[in-house]
Amino acid sequence: MPALTTNALLLDMDGTLVNSDAVVERCWRRWAERHGLDPEEALKVVHGRQGYATMAVLLPDRPVEQNYADNRVMLAEETADLDGVIPVPGAPAFMAAIASLPHALVTSADEALAQARMGAAELRMPETRVTAERVGASKPDPEGFLKGAAELGFDPADCVVFEDSEAGIQAGRAAGMRVVGVGPRAAAFAPDVHVMDLTEITVEATEDGIRLTFAE
């Protein structure tokens, strides 16, 4: 079975630990329709980025201040809508296995949304986390992952990123980290290792750090 050895784990939330696709699609379909956009085309770019960054891709000529304003509304809508938010298969056992190991949440959600979704999925919230309020640039910029590594006290090369989206995988690579792609979306973006869900990963603490073994 393939394996990686690392010192710290940096975890995306949506699509990686929590399946929130139902909420994301509901909210972004409404937004796209309000702005005369094709919802199906909009959904191709929403995953992984902060909302304002997605809006800038979809409406490139719109003032950034308007995107930030819409993003605040979107975050409130998403935080209030938890219908269908569930853990990714294997997430509860995975989070239990890494509880005593160096790890951080690095998410494009803000603190309120992250707390709401992790709570709805009944997953433990990591003590170290980098949420939207704590970065100046959205994924695919590597800032969040670099900040997470620094807070854990490890060099980027000693960290492994878990991500599901193109923007997130690009951010992990830009940070100089190895990337485990989780779920069907991730397969298309050439992560170092790909798994369909977290049931395919075994975690073991060793003298050299953290050993991740992946089902073939």
N, C-alpha and C. Protein backbone atom coordinates (compact mmCIF):
# COMPACT_ATOMS: atom_id res chain seq x y z
N MET A 1 0.84 -1.20 0.00
CA MET A 1 0.00 0.00 0.00
C MET A 1 0.88 1.25 0.00
N PRO A 2 0.49 2.30 -0.76
CA PRO A 2 1.27 3.53 -0.75
C PRO A 2 1.22 4.20 0.62
N ALA A 3 2.26 4.98 0.93
CA ALA A 3 2.32 5.63 2.24
C ALA A 3 3.10 6.93 2.14
N LEU A 4 2.83 7.85 3.06
CA LEU A 4 3.57 9.10 3.22
C LEU A 4 3.95 9.23 4.69
N THR A 5 5.13 9.80 4.93
CA THR A 5 5.52 10.15 6.30
C THR A 5 5.66 11.66 6.38
N THR A 6 5.10 12.25 7.41
CA THR A 6 5.10 13.70 7.55
C THR A 6 5.16 14.06 9.03
N ASN A 7 5.19 15.36 9.32
CA ASN A 7 5.20 15.82 10.72
C ASN A 7 3.92 16.52 11.13
N ALA A 8 3.15 17.02 10.15
CA ALA A 8 1.94 17.77 10.49
C ALA A 8 0.94 17.65 9.35
N LEU A 9 -0.34 17.76 9.70
CA LEU A 9 -1.43 17.63 8.74
C LEU A 9 -2.21 18.94 8.69
N LEU A 10 -2.47 19.44 7.49
CA LEU A 10 -3.25 20.66 7.29
C LEU A 10 -4.52 20.28 6.53
N LEU A 11 -5.66 20.51 7.17
CA LEU A 11 -6.92 19.96 6.70
C LEU A 11 -7.87 21.03 6.19
N ASP A 12 -8.27 20.92 4.94
CA ASP A 12 -9.41 21.68 4.46
C ASP A 12 -10.66 21.14 5.15
N MET A 13 -11.76 21.89 5.10
CA MET A 13 -13.00 21.44 5.74
C MET A 13 -14.02 20.93 4.71
N ASP A 14 -14.59 21.85 3.93
CA ASP A 14 -15.68 21.48 3.02
C ASP A 14 -15.19 20.54 1.92
N GLY A 15 -15.83 19.39 1.82
CA GLY A 15 -15.46 18.40 0.82
C GLY A 15 -14.35 17.48 1.26
N THR A 16 -13.67 17.84 2.35
CA THR A 16 -12.55 17.04 2.85
C THR A 16 -12.93 16.35 4.16
N LEU A 17 -13.46 17.11 5.11
CA LEU A 17 -13.96 16.56 6.37
C LEU A 17 -15.48 16.55 6.41
N VAL A 18 -16.06 17.58 5.82
CA VAL A 18 -17.51 17.80 5.88
C VAL A 18 -18.07 17.83 4.46
N ASN A 19 -19.14 17.09 4.23
CA ASN A 19 -19.85 17.18 2.96
C ASN A 19 -20.94 18.25 3.10
N SER A 20 -20.67 19.41 2.53
CA SER A 20 -21.62 20.53 2.59
C SER A 20 -22.10 20.90 1.19
N ASP A 21 -21.92 20.00 0.23
CA ASP A 21 -22.24 20.33 -1.16
C ASP A 21 -23.69 20.79 -1.33
N ALA A 22 -24.62 20.18 -0.60
CA ALA A 22 -26.03 20.53 -0.76
C ALA A 22 -26.27 22.00 -0.43
N VAL A 23 -25.69 22.47 0.67
CA VAL A 23 -25.84 23.87 1.07
C VAL A 23 -25.14 24.80 0.08
N VAL A 24 -23.91 24.47 -0.25
CA VAL A 24 -23.13 25.30 -1.17
C VAL A 24 -23.88 25.47 -2.49
N GLU A 25 -24.41 24.39 -3.01
CA GLU A 25 -25.10 24.47 -4.30
C GLU A 25 -26.39 25.28 -4.19
N ARG A 26 -27.13 25.09 -3.10
CA ARG A 26 -28.36 25.89 -2.93
C ARG A 26 -28.05 27.38 -2.92
N CYS A 27 -27.08 27.77 -2.09
CA CYS A 27 -26.78 29.20 -1.93
C CYS A 27 -26.21 29.80 -3.22
N TRP A 28 -25.30 29.09 -3.87
CA TRP A 28 -24.68 29.64 -5.07
C TRP A 28 -25.60 29.62 -6.27
N ARG A 29 -26.51 28.67 -6.34
CA ARG A 29 -27.51 28.70 -7.43
C ARG A 29 -28.37 29.96 -7.31
N ARG A 30 -28.80 30.26 -6.08
CA ARG A 30 -29.61 31.47 -5.89
C ARG A 30 -28.83 32.71 -6.28
N TRP A 31 -27.58 32.78 -5.85
CA TRP A 31 -26.76 33.95 -6.17
C TRP A 31 -26.57 34.08 -7.67
N ALA A 32 -26.25 32.99 -8.35
CA ALA A 32 -26.03 33.02 -9.79
C ALA A 32 -27.28 33.47 -10.53
N GLU A 33 -28.42 32.95 -10.12
CA GLU A 33 -29.67 33.33 -10.79
C GLU A 33 -29.99 34.80 -10.58
N ARG A 34 -29.71 35.33 -9.39
CA ARG A 34 -29.94 36.76 -9.13
C ARG A 34 -29.08 37.64 -10.04
N HIS A 35 -27.94 37.12 -10.47
CA HIS A 35 -27.02 37.92 -11.27
C HIS A 35 -27.02 37.51 -12.75
N GLY A 36 -28.03 36.73 -13.14
CA GLY A 36 -28.17 36.38 -14.54
C GLY A 36 -27.11 35.43 -15.06
N LEU A 37 -26.54 34.61 -14.17
CA LEU A 37 -25.49 33.67 -14.56
C LEU A 37 -26.05 32.26 -14.63
N ASP A 38 -25.39 31.42 -15.40
CA ASP A 38 -25.76 30.02 -15.49
C ASP A 38 -25.31 29.32 -14.21
N PRO A 39 -26.24 28.82 -13.39
CA PRO A 39 -25.84 28.20 -12.13
C PRO A 39 -24.88 27.03 -12.32
N GLU A 40 -25.06 26.24 -13.36
CA GLU A 40 -24.18 25.09 -13.57
C GLU A 40 -22.74 25.54 -13.83
N GLU A 41 -22.59 26.61 -14.59
CA GLU A 41 -21.25 27.14 -14.85
C GLU A 41 -20.65 27.73 -13.58
N ALA A 42 -21.48 28.39 -12.78
CA ALA A 42 -21.00 28.99 -11.53
C ALA A 42 -20.50 27.91 -10.57
N LEU A 43 -21.20 26.80 -10.51
CA LEU A 43 -20.83 25.74 -9.57
C LEU A 43 -19.49 25.11 -9.90
N LYS A 44 -19.02 25.29 -11.12
CA LYS A 44 -17.73 24.72 -11.51
C LYS A 44 -16.56 25.43 -10.83
N VAL A 45 -16.77 26.65 -10.33
CA VAL A 45 -15.65 27.42 -9.77
C VAL A 45 -15.83 27.81 -8.31
N VAL A 46 -16.94 27.39 -7.68
CA VAL A 46 -17.19 27.88 -6.31
C VAL A 46 -16.39 27.14 -5.25
N HIS A 47 -16.00 25.89 -5.50
CA HIS A 47 -15.41 25.08 -4.44
C HIS A 47 -13.98 25.50 -4.13
N GLY A 48 -13.71 25.64 -2.83
CA GLY A 48 -12.34 25.89 -2.39
C GLY A 48 -11.99 27.35 -2.14
N ARG A 49 -12.65 28.26 -2.84
CA ARG A 49 -12.33 29.68 -2.69
C ARG A 49 -13.23 30.35 -1.65
N GLN A 50 -12.78 31.49 -1.14
CA GLN A 50 -13.69 32.35 -0.40
C GLN A 50 -14.70 32.94 -1.38
N GLY A 51 -15.87 33.28 -0.87
CA GLY A 51 -16.95 33.72 -1.74
C GLY A 51 -16.59 34.92 -2.61
N TYR A 52 -15.93 35.92 -2.02
CA TYR A 52 -15.61 37.12 -2.79
C TYR A 52 -14.69 36.79 -3.96
N ALA A 53 -13.81 35.79 -3.78
CA ALA A 53 -12.89 35.41 -4.84
C ALA A 53 -13.63 34.69 -5.97
N THR A 54 -14.61 33.87 -5.61
CA THR A 54 -15.45 33.23 -6.62
C THR A 54 -16.22 34.28 -7.41
N MET A 55 -16.78 35.27 -6.71
CA MET A 55 -17.53 36.33 -7.38
C MET A 55 -16.65 37.11 -8.34
N ALA A 56 -15.40 37.32 -7.98
CA ALA A 56 -14.47 38.04 -8.85
C ALA A 56 -14.19 37.26 -10.13
N VAL A 57 -14.19 35.93 -10.04
CA VAL A 57 -14.01 35.10 -11.24
C VAL A 57 -15.25 35.18 -12.12
N LEU A 58 -16.42 35.11 -11.50
CA LEU A 58 -17.68 35.05 -12.26
C LEU A 58 -18.10 36.42 -12.80
N LEU A 59 -17.80 37.48 -12.06
CA LEU A 59 -18.17 38.85 -12.47
C LEU A 59 -16.91 39.72 -12.40
N PRO A 60 -15.99 39.55 -13.33
CA PRO A 60 -14.67 40.20 -13.23
C PRO A 60 -14.70 41.72 -13.28
N ASP A 61 -15.77 42.30 -13.81
CA ASP A 61 -15.82 43.76 -13.93
C ASP A 61 -16.53 44.42 -12.76
N ARG A 62 -16.98 43.65 -11.80
CA ARG A 62 -17.74 44.21 -10.68
C ARG A 62 -16.78 44.74 -9.62
N PRO A 63 -17.12 45.87 -8.96
CA PRO A 63 -16.25 46.41 -7.90
C PRO A 63 -16.05 45.42 -6.77
N VAL A 64 -14.80 45.34 -6.28
CA VAL A 64 -14.47 44.36 -5.25
C VAL A 64 -15.27 44.61 -3.98
N GLU A 65 -15.61 45.88 -3.71
CA GLU A 65 -16.40 46.19 -2.51
C GLU A 65 -17.76 45.49 -2.56
N GLN A 66 -18.32 45.39 -3.75
CA GLN A 66 -19.61 44.73 -3.89
C GLN A 66 -19.47 43.22 -3.66
N ASN A 67 -18.35 42.67 -4.10
CA ASN A 67 -18.11 41.25 -3.84
C ASN A 67 -17.97 40.98 -2.34
N TYR A 68 -17.26 41.84 -1.64
CA TYR A 68 -17.12 41.67 -0.19
C TYR A 68 -18.48 41.77 0.51
N ALA A 69 -19.32 42.70 0.05
CA ALA A 69 -20.64 42.87 0.65
C ALA A 69 -21.49 41.62 0.41
N ASP A 70 -21.48 41.14 -0.83
CA ASP A 70 -22.23 39.92 -1.15
C ASP A 70 -21.68 38.72 -0.38
N ASN A 71 -20.38 38.68 -0.20
CA ASN A 71 -19.76 37.58 0.53
C ASN A 71 -20.26 37.52 1.97
N ARG A 72 -20.43 38.68 2.60
CA ARG A 72 -20.93 38.69 3.98
C ARG A 72 -22.34 38.12 4.04
N VAL A 73 -23.16 38.47 3.06
CA VAL A 73 -24.53 37.93 3.00
C VAL A 73 -24.49 36.42 2.77
N MET A 74 -23.63 35.99 1.84
CA MET A 74 -23.51 34.57 1.53
C MET A 74 -23.08 33.76 2.75
N LEU A 75 -22.10 34.28 3.50
CA LEU A 75 -21.63 33.58 4.70
C LEU A 75 -22.76 33.42 5.72
N ALA A 76 -23.56 34.46 5.88
CA ALA A 76 -24.69 34.39 6.82
C ALA A 76 -25.70 33.35 6.37
N GLU A 77 -25.99 33.31 5.06
CA GLU A 77 -26.93 32.32 4.53
C GLU A 77 -26.42 30.91 4.74
N GLU A 78 -25.14 30.70 4.46
CA GLU A 78 -24.57 29.36 4.59
C GLU A 78 -24.50 28.91 6.04
N THR A 79 -24.21 29.85 6.95
CA THR A 79 -24.13 29.50 8.37
C THR A 79 -25.49 29.10 8.92
N ALA A 80 -26.55 29.73 8.40
CA ALA A 80 -27.91 29.43 8.87
C ALA A 80 -28.49 28.17 8.26
N ASP A 81 -27.92 27.71 7.14
CA ASP A 81 -28.46 26.57 6.41
C ASP A 81 -27.54 25.36 6.62
N LEU A 82 -27.93 24.47 7.50
CA LEU A 82 -27.12 23.28 7.79
C LEU A 82 -27.79 22.00 7.32
N ASP A 83 -28.88 22.14 6.57
CA ASP A 83 -29.61 20.97 6.09
C ASP A 83 -28.74 20.18 5.11
N GLY A 84 -28.49 18.91 5.44
CA GLY A 84 -27.70 18.07 4.55
C GLY A 84 -26.21 18.08 4.84
N VAL A 85 -25.77 18.84 5.85
CA VAL A 85 -24.35 18.86 6.21
C VAL A 85 -24.03 17.59 7.00
N ILE A 86 -23.13 16.77 6.47
CA ILE A 86 -22.78 15.49 7.08
C ILE A 86 -21.27 15.28 7.01
N PRO A 87 -20.72 14.40 7.83
CA PRO A 87 -19.28 14.14 7.73
C PRO A 87 -18.96 13.36 6.47
N VAL A 88 -17.81 13.61 5.89
CA VAL A 88 -17.28 12.77 4.82
C VAL A 88 -17.05 11.38 5.42
N PRO A 89 -17.34 10.31 4.69
CA PRO A 89 -17.12 8.97 5.25
C PRO A 89 -15.70 8.80 5.79
N GLY A 90 -15.62 8.30 7.01
CA GLY A 90 -14.33 8.10 7.65
C GLY A 90 -13.84 9.28 8.46
N ALA A 91 -14.50 10.44 8.35
CA ALA A 91 -14.01 11.64 9.04
C ALA A 91 -14.00 11.51 10.56
N PRO A 92 -15.05 10.96 11.19
CA PRO A 92 -15.00 10.86 12.66
C PRO A 92 -13.81 10.02 13.15
N ALA A 93 -13.57 8.87 12.52
CA ALA A 93 -12.46 8.02 12.93
C ALA A 93 -11.12 8.69 12.62
N PHE A 94 -11.03 9.37 11.49
CA PHE A 94 -9.80 10.06 11.11
C PHE A 94 -9.47 11.15 12.13
N MET A 95 -10.48 11.95 12.50
CA MET A 95 -10.24 13.03 13.46
C MET A 95 -9.86 12.46 14.83
N ALA A 96 -10.43 11.33 15.19
CA ALA A 96 -10.05 10.71 16.46
C ALA A 96 -8.60 10.21 16.40
N ALA A 97 -8.20 9.67 15.25
CA ALA A 97 -6.86 9.11 15.11
C ALA A 97 -5.77 10.17 15.18
N ILE A 98 -6.09 11.41 14.76
CA ILE A 98 -5.07 12.47 14.73
C ILE A 98 -5.17 13.41 15.92
N ALA A 99 -6.03 13.11 16.88
CA ALA A 99 -6.31 14.04 17.98
C ALA A 99 -5.05 14.49 18.71
N SER A 100 -4.10 13.59 18.90
CA SER A 100 -2.90 13.93 19.65
C SER A 100 -1.72 14.29 18.75
N LEU A 101 -1.95 14.37 17.44
CA LEU A 101 -0.89 14.65 16.47
C LEU A 101 -0.98 16.09 15.97
N PRO A 102 0.10 16.67 15.51
CA PRO A 102 0.05 18.06 15.02
C PRO A 102 -0.84 18.18 13.78
N HIS A 103 -1.87 19.01 13.90
CA HIS A 103 -2.77 19.22 12.77
C HIS A 103 -3.49 20.55 12.92
N ALA A 104 -3.95 21.09 11.81
CA ALA A 104 -4.68 22.36 11.81
C ALA A 104 -5.74 22.33 10.74
N LEU A 105 -6.81 23.07 10.98
CA LEU A 105 -7.84 23.28 9.97
C LEU A 105 -7.48 24.54 9.18
N VAL A 106 -7.49 24.45 7.86
CA VAL A 106 -7.23 25.61 7.00
C VAL A 106 -8.38 25.69 6.01
N THR A 107 -9.31 26.60 6.25
CA THR A 107 -10.56 26.63 5.50
C THR A 107 -10.89 28.00 4.96
N SER A 108 -11.60 28.03 3.84
CA SER A 108 -12.08 29.29 3.28
C SER A 108 -13.34 29.79 3.98
N ALA A 109 -13.89 28.97 4.88
CA ALA A 109 -15.02 29.42 5.70
C ALA A 109 -14.52 30.36 6.79
N ASP A 110 -15.42 31.23 7.27
CA ASP A 110 -15.05 32.04 8.42
C ASP A 110 -15.27 31.21 9.69
N GLU A 111 -14.90 31.77 10.84
CA GLU A 111 -14.98 31.02 12.08
C GLU A 111 -16.40 30.55 12.39
N ALA A 112 -17.39 31.42 12.19
CA ALA A 112 -18.77 31.06 12.50
C ALA A 112 -19.25 29.91 11.62
N LEU A 113 -18.94 29.97 10.33
CA LEU A 113 -19.37 28.92 9.41
C LEU A 113 -18.64 27.61 9.71
N ALA A 114 -17.34 27.70 10.00
CA ALA A 114 -16.58 26.50 10.33
C ALA A 114 -17.14 25.83 11.59
N GLN A 115 -17.43 26.63 12.62
CA GLN A 115 -17.99 26.07 13.84
C GLN A 115 -19.35 25.42 13.57
N ALA A 116 -20.18 26.08 12.75
CA ALA A 116 -21.51 25.56 12.46
C ALA A 116 -21.44 24.23 11.71
N ARG A 117 -20.60 24.17 10.70
CA ARG A 117 -20.54 22.95 9.89
C ARG A 117 -19.85 21.80 10.60
N MET A 118 -18.77 22.08 11.30
CA MET A 118 -18.12 21.00 12.07
C MET A 118 -19.07 20.49 13.15
N GLY A 119 -19.83 21.41 13.75
CA GLY A 119 -20.81 20.99 14.76
C GLY A 119 -21.93 20.17 14.17
N ALA A 120 -22.44 20.59 13.01
CA ALA A 120 -23.52 19.85 12.35
C ALA A 120 -23.07 18.44 11.97
N ALA A 121 -21.79 18.32 11.58
CA ALA A 121 -21.25 17.01 11.20
C ALA A 121 -20.75 16.22 12.41
N GLU A 122 -20.85 16.82 13.60
CA GLU A 122 -20.43 16.20 14.86
C GLU A 122 -18.95 15.81 14.81
N LEU A 123 -18.14 16.72 14.30
CA LEU A 123 -16.70 16.52 14.24
C LEU A 123 -15.99 17.45 15.21
N ARG A 124 -14.94 16.96 15.80
CA ARG A 124 -14.13 17.77 16.72
C ARG A 124 -13.46 18.91 15.96
N MET A 125 -13.54 20.10 16.53
CA MET A 125 -12.88 21.25 15.92
C MET A 125 -11.41 21.29 16.33
N PRO A 126 -10.48 21.30 15.37
CA PRO A 126 -9.06 21.40 15.74
C PRO A 126 -8.77 22.67 16.53
N GLU A 127 -7.87 22.56 17.47
CA GLU A 127 -7.49 23.72 18.28
C GLU A 127 -6.80 24.78 17.43
N THR A 128 -5.96 24.34 16.50
CA THR A 128 -5.28 25.27 15.60
C THR A 128 -6.08 25.35 14.30
N ARG A 129 -6.45 26.56 13.93
CA ARG A 129 -7.22 26.71 12.69
C ARG A 129 -6.96 28.06 12.06
N VAL A 130 -6.98 28.06 10.75
CA VAL A 130 -6.82 29.28 9.97
C VAL A 130 -8.09 29.43 9.15
N THR A 131 -8.94 30.37 9.57
CA THR A 131 -10.21 30.62 8.89
C THR A 131 -10.10 31.88 8.03
N ALA A 132 -11.19 32.19 7.34
CA ALA A 132 -11.16 33.27 6.34
C ALA A 132 -10.71 34.60 6.92
N GLU A 133 -11.10 34.87 8.18
CA GLU A 133 -10.75 36.17 8.78
C GLU A 133 -9.25 36.34 8.97
N ARG A 134 -8.52 35.24 8.97
CA ARG A 134 -7.11 35.28 9.35
C ARG A 134 -6.16 35.35 8.17
N VAL A 135 -6.68 35.45 6.96
CA VAL A 135 -5.82 35.56 5.79
C VAL A 135 -6.22 36.76 4.94
N GLY A 136 -5.26 37.25 4.17
CA GLY A 136 -5.54 38.37 3.28
C GLY A 136 -5.87 37.94 1.87
N ALA A 137 -5.63 36.67 1.56
CA ALA A 137 -5.85 36.17 0.21
C ALA A 137 -6.48 34.78 0.28
N SER A 138 -7.42 34.53 -0.61
CA SER A 138 -8.11 33.25 -0.66
C SER A 138 -7.26 32.20 -1.37
N LYS A 139 -7.50 30.92 -1.07
CA LYS A 139 -6.99 29.87 -1.94
C LYS A 139 -7.44 30.20 -3.37
N PRO A 140 -6.60 30.00 -4.38
CA PRO A 140 -5.39 29.19 -4.45
C PRO A 140 -4.11 29.85 -3.93
N ASP A 141 -4.20 31.03 -3.33
CA ASP A 141 -3.02 31.59 -2.67
C ASP A 141 -2.62 30.68 -1.51
N PRO A 142 -1.33 30.46 -1.29
CA PRO A 142 -0.89 29.53 -0.24
C PRO A 142 -0.88 30.11 1.17
N GLU A 143 -1.29 31.36 1.35
CA GLU A 143 -1.14 32.02 2.65
C GLU A 143 -1.70 31.19 3.80
N GLY A 144 -2.91 30.66 3.64
CA GLY A 144 -3.53 29.91 4.74
C GLY A 144 -2.73 28.70 5.16
N PHE A 145 -2.25 27.94 4.20
CA PHE A 145 -1.47 26.75 4.53
C PHE A 145 -0.12 27.12 5.14
N LEU A 146 0.50 28.17 4.63
CA LEU A 146 1.77 28.61 5.21
C LEU A 146 1.58 29.09 6.65
N LYS A 147 0.48 29.77 6.89
CA LYS A 147 0.20 30.24 8.26
C LYS A 147 -0.08 29.06 9.18
N GLY A 148 -0.81 28.06 8.69
CA GLY A 148 -1.09 26.88 9.50
C GLY A 148 0.18 26.14 9.87
N ALA A 149 1.09 25.98 8.89
CA ALA A 149 2.37 25.31 9.17
C ALA A 149 3.17 26.08 10.21
N ALA A 150 3.21 27.40 10.06
CA ALA A 150 3.97 28.23 11.00
C ALA A 150 3.40 28.12 12.41
N GLU A 151 2.08 28.11 12.54
CA GLU A 151 1.48 28.04 13.87
C GLU A 151 1.73 26.68 14.52
N LEU A 152 1.86 25.65 13.71
CA LEU A 152 2.17 24.33 14.25
C LEU A 152 3.67 24.17 14.51
N GLY A 153 4.48 25.06 13.93
CA GLY A 153 5.92 25.04 14.16
C GLY A 153 6.70 24.12 13.24
N PHE A 154 6.17 23.91 12.00
CA PHE A 154 6.84 23.03 11.05
C PHE A 154 7.09 23.74 9.73
N ASP A 155 8.16 23.32 9.06
CA ASP A 155 8.43 23.83 7.72
C ASP A 155 7.34 23.31 6.76
N PRO A 156 7.04 24.09 5.72
CA PRO A 156 6.04 23.63 4.75
C PRO A 156 6.32 22.24 4.18
N ALA A 157 7.59 21.95 3.91
CA ALA A 157 7.93 20.65 3.33
C ALA A 157 7.64 19.49 4.28
N ASP A 158 7.46 19.80 5.57
CA ASP A 158 7.18 18.76 6.56
C ASP A 158 5.68 18.61 6.84
N CYS A 159 4.86 19.20 5.98
CA CYS A 159 3.41 19.14 6.16
C CYS A 159 2.74 18.47 4.96
N VAL A 160 1.63 17.82 5.23
CA VAL A 160 0.80 17.25 4.17
C VAL A 160 -0.57 17.91 4.24
N VAL A 161 -1.06 18.35 3.08
CA VAL A 161 -2.35 19.01 2.94
C VAL A 161 -3.41 17.99 2.52
N PHE A 162 -4.60 18.11 3.09
CA PHE A 162 -5.76 17.31 2.65
C PHE A 162 -6.75 18.27 2.01
N GLU A 163 -7.07 18.05 0.74
CA GLU A 163 -7.91 18.98 -0.02
C GLU A 163 -8.81 18.24 -1.01
N ASP A 164 -9.91 18.90 -1.38
CA ASP A 164 -10.82 18.31 -2.37
C ASP A 164 -10.94 19.12 -3.64
N SER A 165 -10.54 20.40 -3.64
CA SER A 165 -10.83 21.30 -4.74
C SER A 165 -9.58 21.68 -5.52
N GLU A 166 -9.80 22.17 -6.73
CA GLU A 166 -8.68 22.63 -7.55
C GLU A 166 -7.94 23.78 -6.88
N ALA A 167 -8.70 24.76 -6.37
CA ALA A 167 -8.07 25.91 -5.72
C ALA A 167 -7.26 25.48 -4.50
N GLY A 168 -7.80 24.54 -3.72
CA GLY A 168 -7.09 24.08 -2.53
C GLY A 168 -5.84 23.29 -2.85
N ILE A 169 -5.93 22.43 -3.87
CA ILE A 169 -4.76 21.65 -4.27
C ILE A 169 -3.68 22.57 -4.81
N GLN A 170 -4.07 23.57 -5.59
CA GLN A 170 -3.10 24.55 -6.09
C GLN A 170 -2.44 25.30 -4.93
N ALA A 171 -3.23 25.64 -3.91
CA ALA A 171 -2.69 26.36 -2.75
C ALA A 171 -1.68 25.50 -2.00
N GLY A 172 -2.00 24.23 -1.82
CA GLY A 172 -1.07 23.34 -1.13
C GLY A 172 0.24 23.19 -1.89
N ARG A 173 0.15 23.03 -3.19
CA ARG A 173 1.35 22.91 -4.02
C ARG A 173 2.17 24.20 -3.96
N ALA A 174 1.49 25.34 -4.05
CA ALA A 174 2.18 26.63 -4.01
C ALA A 174 2.89 26.84 -2.67
N ALA A 175 2.37 26.21 -1.62
CA ALA A 175 2.98 26.30 -0.30
C ALA A 175 4.18 25.37 -0.16
N GLY A 176 4.42 24.53 -1.17
CA GLY A 176 5.54 23.60 -1.11
C GLY A 176 5.24 22.35 -0.30
N MET A 177 3.97 21.99 -0.25
CA MET A 177 3.54 20.84 0.55
C MET A 177 3.05 19.71 -0.35
N ARG A 178 3.12 18.49 0.17
CA ARG A 178 2.50 17.37 -0.53
C ARG A 178 1.00 17.41 -0.27
N VAL A 179 0.23 16.90 -1.24
CA VAL A 179 -1.22 17.04 -1.17
C VAL A 179 -1.90 15.67 -1.31
N VAL A 180 -2.79 15.38 -0.37
CA VAL A 180 -3.68 14.24 -0.48
C VAL A 180 -5.03 14.76 -0.98
N GLY A 181 -5.44 14.31 -2.14
CA GLY A 181 -6.73 14.71 -2.70
C GLY A 181 -7.82 13.80 -2.17
N VAL A 182 -8.92 14.40 -1.69
CA VAL A 182 -10.01 13.63 -1.09
C VAL A 182 -11.28 13.84 -1.92
N GLY A 183 -11.90 12.74 -2.34
CA GLY A 183 -13.18 12.82 -3.03
C GLY A 183 -13.06 12.88 -4.53
N PRO A 184 -14.19 12.78 -5.23
CA PRO A 184 -14.18 12.70 -6.69
C PRO A 184 -13.65 13.94 -7.38
N ARG A 185 -13.90 15.14 -6.82
CA ARG A 185 -13.41 16.37 -7.47
C ARG A 185 -11.90 16.39 -7.56
N ALA A 186 -11.25 15.90 -6.51
CA ALA A 186 -9.79 16.04 -6.40
C ALA A 186 -9.03 15.23 -7.43
N ALA A 187 -9.62 14.17 -7.92
CA ALA A 187 -8.90 13.24 -8.80
C ALA A 187 -8.38 13.92 -10.06
N ALA A 188 -9.09 14.94 -10.53
CA ALA A 188 -8.72 15.58 -11.80
C ALA A 188 -7.54 16.53 -11.67
N PHE A 189 -7.07 16.81 -10.45
CA PHE A 189 -6.08 17.87 -10.27
C PHE A 189 -4.72 17.35 -9.80
N ALA A 190 -4.47 16.07 -10.04
CA ALA A 190 -3.15 15.45 -9.84
C ALA A 190 -2.56 15.69 -8.46
N PRO A 191 -3.29 15.35 -7.37
CA PRO A 191 -2.66 15.39 -6.05
C PRO A 191 -1.59 14.31 -5.97
N ASP A 192 -0.74 14.38 -4.95
CA ASP A 192 0.29 13.36 -4.79
C ASP A 192 -0.31 11.99 -4.53
N VAL A 193 -1.40 11.97 -3.75
CA VAL A 193 -2.16 10.75 -3.49
C VAL A 193 -3.63 11.10 -3.59
N HIS A 194 -4.44 10.18 -4.11
CA HIS A 194 -5.87 10.44 -4.17
C HIS A 194 -6.63 9.32 -3.45
N VAL A 195 -7.62 9.70 -2.64
CA VAL A 195 -8.53 8.75 -1.99
C VAL A 195 -9.96 9.21 -2.24
N MET A 196 -10.87 8.27 -2.29
CA MET A 196 -12.27 8.65 -2.49
C MET A 196 -12.88 9.24 -1.22
N ASP A 197 -12.44 8.76 -0.06
CA ASP A 197 -12.87 9.35 1.21
C ASP A 197 -11.86 8.95 2.28
N LEU A 198 -12.14 9.35 3.51
CA LEU A 198 -11.17 9.17 4.59
C LEU A 198 -11.14 7.76 5.16
N THR A 199 -12.05 6.90 4.72
CA THR A 199 -11.98 5.50 5.14
C THR A 199 -10.77 4.81 4.52
N GLU A 200 -10.18 5.40 3.49
CA GLU A 200 -9.06 4.78 2.77
C GLU A 200 -7.70 5.18 3.35
N ILE A 201 -7.69 5.82 4.51
CA ILE A 201 -6.45 6.28 5.12
C ILE A 201 -6.29 5.70 6.51
N THR A 202 -5.09 5.17 6.80
CA THR A 202 -4.73 4.72 8.14
C THR A 202 -3.65 5.65 8.67
N VAL A 203 -3.81 6.11 9.91
CA VAL A 203 -2.87 7.04 10.53
C VAL A 203 -2.14 6.34 11.66
N GLU A 204 -0.81 6.52 11.68
CA GLU A 204 0.00 5.90 12.73
C GLU A 204 1.10 6.87 13.16
N ALA A 205 1.23 7.06 14.47
CA ALA A 205 2.34 7.85 15.01
C ALA A 205 3.58 6.97 15.06
N THR A 206 4.70 7.48 14.52
CA THR A 206 5.95 6.74 14.52
C THR A 206 7.06 7.61 15.08
N GLU A 207 8.26 7.02 15.22
CA GLU A 207 9.40 7.81 15.69
C GLU A 207 9.77 8.90 14.70
N ASP A 208 9.43 8.71 13.44
CA ASP A 208 9.76 9.69 12.39
C ASP A 208 8.67 10.72 12.18
N GLY A 209 7.55 10.60 12.86
CA GLY A 209 6.46 11.55 12.69
C GLY A 209 5.13 10.87 12.53
N ILE A 210 4.44 11.16 11.46
CA ILE A 210 3.11 10.61 11.20
C ILE A 210 3.18 9.79 9.90
N ARG A 211 2.78 8.56 9.98
CA ARG A 211 2.75 7.71 8.80
C ARG A 211 1.31 7.57 8.32
N LEU A 212 1.07 7.93 7.07
CA LEU A 212 -0.23 7.81 6.43
C LEU A 212 -0.15 6.67 5.42
N THR A 213 -1.01 5.70 5.59
CA THR A 213 -1.06 4.57 4.66
C THR A 213 -2.39 4.61 3.92
N PHE A 214 -2.35 4.40 2.62
CA PHE A 214 -3.53 4.57 1.77
C PHE A 214 -3.92 3.24 1.13
N ALA A 215 -5.20 2.95 1.17
CA ALA A 215 -5.71 1.74 0.52
C ALA A 215 -5.52 1.84 -0.98
N GLU A 216 -5.20 0.73 -1.61
CA GLU A 216 -5.01 0.73 -3.06
C GLU A 216 -6.33 0.47 -3.76
